[in-house]
Amino acid sequence: MKKSFALRVDAEVYEAIEKWAADEFRSTNGQIEWILSDALKRAKRTPRKTSAGNKEKED
């Protein structure tokens, strides 16, 4: 399930993300999702899956 929310970012940061997304053939939204997922993996904070396949919330 995906959740929608408003995100405010500096215009220059947004433009940089837009260019990066275009360079990698992704939408800007897809690029932001990829950046967040990558950051979670690097920080070892990706949600764990339970045996039923549902994601557990991390505190």
Protein backbone atom coordinates (compact mmCIF):
# COMPACT_ATOMS: atom_id res chain seq x y z
CA MET A 1 0.00 0.00 0.00
CA LYS A 2 1.29 3.45 -0.89
CA LYS A 3 0.45 6.48 1.18
CA SER A 4 0.18 9.98 -0.25
CA PHE A 5 1.40 13.06 1.59
CA ALA A 6 2.51 16.60 0.83
CA LEU A 7 6.24 17.24 0.72
CA ARG A 8 7.83 20.66 0.75
CA VAL A 9 11.33 20.94 -0.66
CA ASP A 10 13.52 23.81 -1.75
CA ALA A 11 13.05 24.65 -5.46
CA GLU A 12 16.73 24.04 -6.23
CA VAL A 13 16.64 20.63 -4.52
CA TYR A 14 13.51 19.72 -6.47
CA GLU A 15 15.13 20.74 -9.76
CA ALA A 16 18.19 18.63 -8.94
CA ILE A 17 15.96 15.62 -8.18
CA GLU A 18 14.04 16.21 -11.43
CA LYS A 19 17.28 16.18 -13.44
CA TRP A 20 18.56 13.08 -11.62
CA ALA A 21 15.24 11.33 -12.29
CA ALA A 22 15.40 12.20 -16.00
CA ASP A 23 18.99 10.93 -16.19
CA GLU A 24 17.82 7.57 -14.79
CA PHE A 25 14.53 7.41 -16.77
CA ARG A 26 12.36 7.69 -13.64
CA SER A 27 9.56 10.05 -12.68
CA THR A 28 10.42 12.65 -10.06
CA ASN A 29 8.13 10.86 -7.61
CA GLY A 30 9.80 7.52 -8.42
CA GLN A 31 13.21 9.08 -7.85
CA ILE A 32 12.19 10.44 -4.45
CA GLU A 33 10.84 6.98 -3.51
CA TRP A 34 14.14 5.40 -4.65
CA ILE A 35 16.20 7.95 -2.67
CA LEU A 36 14.16 7.27 0.48
CA SER A 37 14.34 3.47 0.04
CA ASP A 38 18.09 3.63 -0.53
CA ALA A 39 18.57 5.80 2.56
CA LEU A 40 16.54 3.33 4.66
CA LYS A 41 18.64 0.40 3.40
CA ARG A 42 21.91 2.22 4.12
CA ALA A 43 20.72 3.10 7.63
CA LYS A 44 19.55 -0.50 8.15
CA ARG A 45 16.05 0.76 8.87
CA THR A 46 14.03 -1.05 6.21
CA PRO A 47 10.76 -2.44 7.56
CA ARG A 48 10.96 -6.14 8.48
CA LYS A 49 8.43 -8.56 7.07
CA THR A 50 6.52 -10.96 9.30
CA SER A 51 5.80 -14.58 8.37
CA ALA A 52 2.42 -13.47 6.97
CA GLY A 53 4.22 -11.11 4.59
CA ASN A 54 3.05 -7.99 6.38
CA LYS A 55 5.54 -5.29 7.26
CA GLU A 56 6.28 -4.68 10.92
CA LYS A 57 6.53 -1.14 12.16
CA GLU A 58 9.90 -0.16 13.57
CA ASP A 59 9.88 2.11 16.61
